[in-house]
Amino acid sequence: MEKALTIVGVVLAISLLVIIHEFGHYLVARAFGMRVLTYSIGFGPVIARWRPKGSETVFQIAAIPVLAYVQVAGMNPREAVDPHDRGSYQNARPLARFLMIAAGPLANYFAASLAVFALLAFGGERLDASARAIVGDVSANKPAAAAGLRADDAIVAINDVATPTWGAMLDRVRASNGQPLRVRYTRAGEASEVSIVPRPLVIEGHTYFGIGITQRAQYRPVTLRRAASDAVTRPAMITAEIVQMLSKIFRREIKDAQLMGPVRMVQETAQQASKGWRDGLSAVAIISLQLFIMNLLPIPVLDGGRLILLAYEMVARRKPNPAIEARILAGSMMLMLGLFLFVTSRELWGIVRGLFGG
């Protein structure tokens, strides 16, 4: 039951990111006088609909309350547009249309920045190598588990050499070359000692020695100024890392990488969320940045493709042929839908095979 509630929460969180994305489009469209016809939360039959007094926008909630969309007058290239209709997207200045399209991805980037700020302001900064050598998880069938180590044990010395920090403990284990280690630890205030033989691990072509434990997360408070500063710099760093990873996948430097669809995205985010609110919020921030990057890809049906067409219009001082633009959008929509169905069906099939031991 708890796992199901976690998954529902993750789905709603991802949907919130899409709602924020569409709200970015909505705000900038209205700022430049474009007429927003519909702002919908969810898909399917409408269960609630209202239009504020004096507004041209119908706000609605659909039966399937996930994702969202905004309908702006004149967005369809084949739509008949009155040249005197100042509220039409087609009649707005190119720069206004460019900013309106860019506002969606930028809203996701801003949401990630807010998530990073909240993480640091309320959760503090995670300590890594400088934190105490306290065990988080113990992997089954690994040396530490065989020796009897448990979560929350504090490793205080290895071969009579003090290990006050996690980094110091790792250095001793990795320098062991597989020789037995006398590991002294405390549990509930009582000291004990066990012998553990590290095993070799190959990570990205490099061999390390480990005993099969992970670090227990430890945090320290940070100032609001530091939280605000990192809320600006960290999303940029994470974005650069994601782009670099995508580049490696594109160049086939990472051969076993697979596209992540919505099912796997929800699964992995739920797994992170089950570890605590910090891990869950961190995963949501990363997904928001992934949405930012994905929507800026130069694919016509995505915001990035539309931005390229608008950049062409601003440079060439003429609009693309509406009929050709409409065909390109329709074709790319079919390709994206096909890719979505392929990836989703593959992930669902993987779940089914796992359930039945296939």
Protein backbone atom coordinates (compact mmCIF):
# COMPACT_ATOMS: atom_id res chain seq x y z
CA MET A 1 0.00 0.00 0.00
CA GLU A 2 2.82 2.37 0.94
CA LYS A 3 4.62 1.65 -2.34
CA ALA A 4 1.42 2.31 -4.31
CA LEU A 5 0.95 5.65 -2.54
CA THR A 6 4.57 6.56 -3.31
CA ILE A 7 4.05 5.81 -7.01
CA VAL A 8 0.84 7.88 -7.06
CA GLY A 9 2.72 10.74 -5.40
CA VAL A 10 5.51 10.53 -7.99
CA VAL A 11 3.03 10.53 -10.89
CA LEU A 12 1.36 13.62 -9.46
CA ALA A 13 4.76 15.29 -8.93
CA ILE A 14 5.78 14.66 -12.56
CA SER A 15 2.36 15.91 -13.67
CA LEU A 16 2.96 19.05 -11.59
CA LEU A 17 6.17 19.65 -13.56
CA VAL A 18 4.18 19.48 -16.81
CA ILE A 19 1.55 21.81 -15.33
CA ILE A 20 4.35 24.25 -14.43
CA HIS A 21 5.71 23.94 -17.98
CA GLU A 22 2.36 24.82 -19.50
CA PHE A 23 1.84 27.62 -16.97
CA GLY A 24 5.06 29.19 -18.26
CA HIS A 25 3.57 29.23 -21.76
CA TYR A 26 0.33 30.65 -20.37
CA LEU A 27 1.91 33.51 -18.41
CA VAL A 28 4.07 34.78 -21.27
CA ALA A 29 1.27 34.36 -23.81
CA ARG A 30 -1.00 36.55 -21.68
CA ALA A 31 1.84 39.03 -21.02
CA PHE A 32 2.10 39.66 -24.78
CA GLY A 33 -1.66 39.84 -25.29
CA MET A 34 -2.16 36.42 -26.89
CA ARG A 35 -5.55 34.85 -26.35
CA VAL A 36 -5.38 31.63 -24.35
CA LEU A 37 -8.51 29.63 -25.09
CA THR A 38 -8.00 26.68 -22.71
CA TYR A 39 -5.80 25.76 -19.79
CA SER A 40 -6.45 22.12 -18.99
CA ILE A 41 -5.12 19.98 -16.18
CA GLY A 42 -5.42 16.39 -17.31
CA PHE A 43 -6.97 14.66 -20.31
CA GLY A 44 -10.21 12.92 -21.15
CA PRO A 45 -13.76 13.99 -20.27
CA VAL A 46 -13.96 17.33 -18.49
CA ILE A 47 -15.23 17.06 -14.92
CA ALA A 48 -14.87 20.72 -13.91
CA ARG A 49 -14.70 23.88 -15.98
CA TRP A 50 -14.79 27.59 -15.18
CA ARG A 51 -13.95 30.90 -16.78
CA PRO A 52 -13.07 33.85 -14.54
CA LYS A 53 -15.07 37.01 -15.06
CA GLY A 54 -13.52 39.14 -17.81
CA SER A 55 -11.19 36.35 -18.92
CA GLU A 56 -11.14 34.64 -22.30
CA THR A 57 -9.50 31.51 -20.87
CA VAL A 58 -11.46 28.43 -19.87
CA PHE A 59 -9.75 26.59 -17.02
CA GLN A 60 -10.67 22.94 -16.71
CA ILE A 61 -9.84 19.70 -14.92
CA ALA A 62 -10.23 16.47 -16.86
CA ALA A 63 -11.04 12.96 -15.68
CA ILE A 64 -7.42 11.80 -15.98
CA PRO A 65 -5.70 14.47 -13.86
CA VAL A 66 -2.15 13.93 -15.14
CA LEU A 67 -0.14 16.22 -17.42
CA ALA A 68 -1.63 19.42 -18.85
CA TYR A 69 -1.94 21.51 -21.98
CA VAL A 70 -2.56 25.10 -23.04
CA GLN A 71 -4.48 26.06 -26.18
CA VAL A 72 -3.49 29.44 -27.63
CA ALA A 73 -5.50 30.97 -30.47
CA GLY A 74 -3.64 30.70 -33.77
CA MET A 75 -1.11 28.07 -32.72
CA ASN A 76 -2.12 25.68 -35.52
CA PRO A 77 -0.32 26.77 -38.73
CA ARG A 78 -3.34 25.74 -40.82
CA GLU A 79 -5.80 27.59 -38.61
CA ALA A 80 -7.64 30.42 -40.36
CA VAL A 81 -6.52 33.65 -38.72
CA ASP A 82 -8.03 37.11 -39.01
CA PRO A 83 -5.08 39.42 -39.78
CA HIS A 84 -6.68 42.03 -37.50
CA ASP A 85 -6.99 39.61 -34.55
CA ARG A 86 -4.38 41.02 -32.14
CA GLY A 87 -4.91 38.13 -29.74
CA SER A 88 -3.81 35.47 -32.23
CA TYR A 89 -0.46 33.75 -31.83
CA GLN A 90 0.14 34.09 -35.57
CA ASN A 91 -0.23 37.89 -35.43
CA ALA A 92 2.09 38.39 -32.47
CA ARG A 93 5.61 39.68 -33.05
CA PRO A 94 8.22 36.93 -33.68
CA LEU A 95 10.09 37.82 -30.50
CA ALA A 96 6.88 37.54 -28.45
CA ARG A 97 6.16 34.12 -29.93
CA PHE A 98 9.76 33.05 -29.34
CA LEU A 99 9.58 34.03 -25.67
CA MET A 100 6.19 32.37 -25.26
CA ILE A 101 7.51 29.04 -26.58
CA ALA A 102 10.75 29.30 -24.57
CA ALA A 103 8.81 30.04 -21.36
CA GLY A 104 7.70 26.41 -20.97
CA PRO A 105 11.19 24.85 -20.73
CA LEU A 106 12.42 27.83 -18.70
CA ALA A 107 9.59 27.25 -16.21
CA ASN A 108 10.90 23.71 -15.68
CA TYR A 109 14.41 25.05 -15.16
CA PHE A 110 13.09 27.55 -12.62
CA ALA A 111 11.16 24.76 -10.86
CA ALA A 112 14.39 22.76 -10.56
CA SER A 113 16.11 25.80 -9.05
CA LEU A 114 13.32 26.14 -6.49
CA ALA A 115 13.63 22.44 -5.65
CA VAL A 116 17.39 22.79 -5.10
CA PHE A 117 16.81 25.85 -2.89
CA ALA A 118 14.21 23.97 -0.81
CA LEU A 119 16.54 20.98 -0.46
CA LEU A 120 19.37 23.09 0.91
CA ALA A 121 17.31 25.58 2.93
CA PHE A 122 15.23 22.95 4.73
CA GLY A 123 17.29 19.78 4.36
CA GLY A 124 20.83 21.05 4.57
CA GLU A 125 23.93 20.04 2.64
CA ARG A 126 24.84 16.38 2.35
CA LEU A 127 28.22 15.39 3.74
CA ASP A 128 30.17 12.82 1.76
CA ALA A 129 33.84 12.01 2.37
CA SER A 130 33.99 14.32 5.41
CA ALA A 131 31.04 12.64 7.15
CA ARG A 132 31.47 10.02 9.88
CA ALA A 133 31.98 6.44 8.70
CA ILE A 134 28.46 5.27 9.52
CA VAL A 135 27.00 2.38 7.54
CA GLY A 136 23.81 3.04 5.58
CA ASP A 137 22.96 -0.19 3.72
CA VAL A 138 24.75 -3.53 3.75
CA SER A 139 24.59 -5.47 0.48
CA ALA A 140 23.60 -9.11 0.76
CA ASN A 141 26.21 -11.75 -0.08
CA LYS A 142 29.04 -9.23 0.30
CA PRO A 143 31.98 -9.32 2.76
CA ALA A 144 30.46 -6.84 5.23
CA ALA A 145 27.21 -8.79 5.43
CA ALA A 146 29.08 -12.06 5.96
CA ALA A 147 31.04 -10.44 8.78
CA GLY A 148 27.86 -9.25 10.49
CA LEU A 149 27.98 -5.50 9.90
CA ARG A 150 24.59 -3.75 10.03
CA ALA A 151 23.08 -0.42 9.12
CA ASP A 152 23.99 2.38 11.59
CA ASP A 153 27.24 0.69 12.67
CA ALA A 154 30.03 3.27 13.03
CA ILE A 155 33.41 2.11 11.71
CA VAL A 156 36.04 3.68 13.97
CA ALA A 157 39.28 1.94 12.94
CA ILE A 158 40.79 -0.44 10.37
CA ASN A 159 43.93 -2.39 11.30
CA ASP A 160 44.22 -0.15 14.38
CA VAL A 161 44.29 3.01 12.22
CA ALA A 162 41.50 5.43 13.13
CA THR A 163 38.89 6.14 10.44
CA PRO A 164 37.04 9.22 11.71
CA THR A 165 35.49 9.93 8.29
CA TRP A 166 33.91 7.98 5.48
CA GLY A 167 36.69 9.09 3.14
CA ALA A 168 39.38 7.77 5.49
CA MET A 169 37.58 4.44 5.77
CA LEU A 170 37.28 4.13 1.95
CA ASP A 171 40.99 4.88 1.53
CA ARG A 172 41.92 2.05 3.92
CA VAL A 173 39.60 -0.44 2.19
CA ARG A 174 40.72 0.48 -1.33
CA ALA A 175 44.39 0.27 -0.36
CA SER A 176 43.93 -3.23 1.05
CA ASN A 177 44.62 -5.02 -2.27
CA GLY A 178 42.24 -7.71 -1.08
CA GLN A 179 44.11 -8.48 2.14
CA PRO A 180 42.07 -9.19 5.31
CA LEU A 181 41.16 -6.12 7.37
CA ARG A 182 40.49 -5.90 11.10
CA VAL A 183 37.48 -3.61 11.24
CA ARG A 184 36.59 -2.07 14.59
CA TYR A 185 33.10 -0.61 14.89
CA THR A 186 30.59 0.53 17.48
CA ARG A 187 26.96 -0.52 17.69
CA ALA A 188 24.64 1.05 20.25
CA GLY A 189 27.69 2.25 22.17
CA GLU A 190 29.40 -1.13 22.31
CA ALA A 191 32.69 -1.74 20.46
CA SER A 192 33.33 -4.88 18.39
CA GLU A 193 35.89 -6.06 15.86
CA VAL A 194 35.57 -8.35 12.83
CA SER A 195 37.82 -9.54 10.03
CA ILE A 196 36.69 -8.66 6.51
CA VAL A 197 38.32 -9.54 3.17
CA PRO A 198 37.52 -6.87 0.51
CA ARG A 199 36.52 -7.98 -2.96
CA PRO A 200 37.59 -6.36 -6.26
CA LEU A 201 35.02 -4.19 -8.05
CA VAL A 202 35.37 -2.95 -11.62
CA ILE A 203 33.82 0.51 -12.15
CA GLU A 204 34.22 2.20 -15.55
CA GLY A 205 37.30 0.15 -16.33
CA HIS A 206 38.99 0.76 -12.96
CA THR A 207 39.41 -1.88 -10.26
CA TYR A 208 38.58 -0.96 -6.67
CA PHE A 209 38.26 -3.01 -3.51
CA GLY A 210 35.08 -2.84 -1.46
CA ILE A 211 33.24 -4.64 1.32
CA GLY A 212 29.63 -4.02 0.21
CA ILE A 213 28.39 -1.10 2.29
CA THR A 214 26.95 2.30 1.49
CA GLN A 215 27.16 5.49 3.48
CA ARG A 216 24.37 6.67 5.75
CA ALA A 217 23.27 10.11 4.60
CA GLN A 218 24.36 12.91 6.93
CA TYR A 219 23.57 16.60 6.51
CA ARG A 220 24.62 19.96 7.89
CA PRO A 221 22.63 23.23 7.72
CA VAL A 222 23.53 25.94 5.22
CA THR A 223 22.71 29.63 5.12
CA LEU A 224 19.87 30.95 2.97
CA ARG A 225 22.46 32.89 0.96
CA ARG A 226 24.35 29.68 0.20
CA ALA A 227 21.08 27.91 -0.67
CA ALA A 228 20.16 30.71 -3.08
CA SER A 229 23.62 30.68 -4.65
CA ASP A 230 23.57 26.92 -5.21
CA ALA A 231 20.02 27.13 -6.56
CA VAL A 232 21.55 29.14 -9.42
CA THR A 233 24.72 27.13 -10.03
CA ARG A 234 23.70 23.51 -9.37
CA PRO A 235 20.92 23.27 -11.99
CA ALA A 236 23.39 24.58 -14.59
CA MET A 237 25.94 21.94 -13.55
CA ILE A 238 23.36 19.14 -13.59
CA THR A 239 22.10 20.29 -17.00
CA ALA A 240 25.66 20.19 -18.36
CA GLU A 241 26.09 16.65 -16.99
CA ILE A 242 22.83 15.46 -18.57
CA VAL A 243 23.77 16.99 -21.93
CA GLN A 244 27.21 15.37 -21.72
CA MET A 245 25.62 12.01 -20.99
CA LEU A 246 23.22 12.39 -23.93
CA SER A 247 26.16 13.29 -26.14
CA LYS A 248 28.00 10.12 -25.09
CA ILE A 249 24.90 8.04 -25.81
CA PHE A 250 24.52 9.70 -29.22
CA ARG A 251 28.19 8.99 -30.03
CA ARG A 252 27.69 5.41 -28.75
CA GLU A 253 30.37 5.78 -26.13
CA ILE A 254 27.80 4.27 -23.75
CA LYS A 255 26.62 1.23 -25.70
CA ASP A 256 24.16 -0.35 -23.27
CA ALA A 257 22.16 2.83 -22.59
CA GLN A 258 18.41 2.73 -23.24
CA LEU A 259 15.82 5.45 -23.57
CA MET A 260 13.92 6.01 -20.33
CA GLY A 261 10.17 6.10 -20.80
CA PRO A 262 7.46 7.26 -18.39
CA VAL A 263 7.12 3.88 -16.68
CA ARG A 264 10.81 3.58 -15.80
CA MET A 265 10.95 7.25 -14.88
CA VAL A 266 8.16 6.76 -12.35
CA GLN A 267 9.76 3.56 -11.04
CA GLU A 268 13.18 5.10 -10.46
CA THR A 269 11.76 8.29 -8.95
CA ALA A 270 9.55 6.25 -6.62
CA GLN A 271 12.60 4.24 -5.57
CA GLN A 272 14.42 7.46 -4.71
CA ALA A 273 11.38 8.89 -2.93
CA SER A 274 11.16 5.76 -0.75
CA LYS A 275 14.57 6.69 0.71
CA GLY A 276 13.22 9.98 2.06
CA TRP A 277 11.89 13.35 1.01
CA ARG A 278 15.35 14.70 0.20
CA ASP A 279 16.07 11.96 -2.34
CA GLY A 280 12.58 12.26 -3.79
CA LEU A 281 12.79 16.02 -4.21
CA SER A 282 16.27 15.69 -5.71
CA ALA A 283 14.93 13.20 -8.26
CA VAL A 284 12.06 15.54 -9.13
CA ALA A 285 14.56 18.39 -9.68
CA ILE A 286 16.56 16.20 -12.07
CA ILE A 287 13.40 15.18 -13.96
CA SER A 288 12.45 18.85 -14.27
CA LEU A 289 15.85 19.56 -15.84
CA GLN A 290 15.40 16.55 -18.13
CA LEU A 291 12.08 18.03 -19.28
CA PHE A 292 13.86 21.35 -19.84
CA ILE A 293 16.46 19.67 -22.06
CA MET A 294 14.04 17.34 -23.84
CA ASN A 295 11.71 20.15 -24.81
CA LEU A 296 14.60 22.12 -26.29
CA LEU A 297 15.61 19.30 -28.65
CA PRO A 298 15.41 20.46 -32.31
CA ILE A 299 12.38 18.32 -33.08
CA PRO A 300 9.53 20.24 -34.80
CA VAL A 301 6.75 19.04 -32.50
CA LEU A 302 8.75 20.07 -29.40
CA ASP A 303 9.45 23.59 -28.20
CA GLY A 304 13.00 23.39 -29.52
CA GLY A 305 11.78 22.76 -33.05
CA ARG A 306 9.36 25.66 -32.86
CA LEU A 307 12.12 27.92 -31.57
CA ILE A 308 14.26 27.03 -34.58
CA LEU A 309 11.40 27.92 -36.94
CA LEU A 310 10.89 31.21 -35.11
CA ALA A 311 14.62 31.97 -35.23
CA TYR A 312 14.48 31.35 -39.00
CA GLU A 313 11.53 33.72 -39.26
CA MET A 314 13.34 36.46 -37.34
CA VAL A 315 16.49 36.11 -39.47
CA ALA A 316 14.80 35.64 -42.85
CA ARG A 317 11.99 38.12 -41.98
CA ARG A 318 9.37 35.77 -43.39
CA LYS A 319 7.24 32.99 -41.98
CA PRO A 320 7.71 29.35 -43.03
CA ASN A 321 5.12 27.99 -45.45
CA PRO A 322 2.11 27.12 -43.20
CA ALA A 323 1.23 23.98 -45.18
CA ILE A 324 4.80 22.65 -45.03
CA GLU A 325 5.08 23.57 -41.34
CA ALA A 326 1.82 21.74 -40.59
CA ARG A 327 3.02 18.60 -42.40
CA ILE A 328 6.35 18.68 -40.56
CA LEU A 329 4.57 19.05 -37.21
CA ALA A 330 2.16 16.21 -38.01
CA GLY A 331 4.98 13.91 -39.13
CA SER A 332 7.14 14.59 -36.11
CA MET A 333 4.12 14.12 -33.86
CA MET A 334 3.56 10.65 -35.31
CA LEU A 335 7.24 9.77 -34.88
CA MET A 336 7.26 10.96 -31.26
CA LEU A 337 4.02 9.08 -30.53
CA GLY A 338 5.48 5.93 -32.08
CA LEU A 339 8.66 6.26 -30.01
CA PHE A 340 6.59 6.86 -26.87
CA LEU A 341 4.49 3.75 -27.48
CA PHE A 342 7.56 1.65 -28.28
CA VAL A 343 9.48 2.66 -25.16
CA THR A 344 6.42 2.40 -22.90
CA SER A 345 5.41 -1.03 -24.23
CA ARG A 346 8.98 -2.30 -23.78
CA GLU A 347 9.05 -1.13 -20.16
CA LEU A 348 5.61 -2.61 -19.43
CA TRP A 349 6.69 -5.91 -21.00
CA GLY A 350 9.77 -5.87 -18.76
CA ILE A 351 7.51 -5.49 -15.70
CA VAL A 352 5.26 -8.35 -16.87
CA ARG A 353 8.27 -10.63 -17.46
CA GLY A 354 9.60 -9.76 -14.01
CA LEU A 355 6.27 -10.61 -12.37
CA PHE A 356 6.04 -14.00 -14.06
CA GLY A 357 9.72 -14.82 -13.91
CA GLY A 358 10.23 -14.56 -17.66
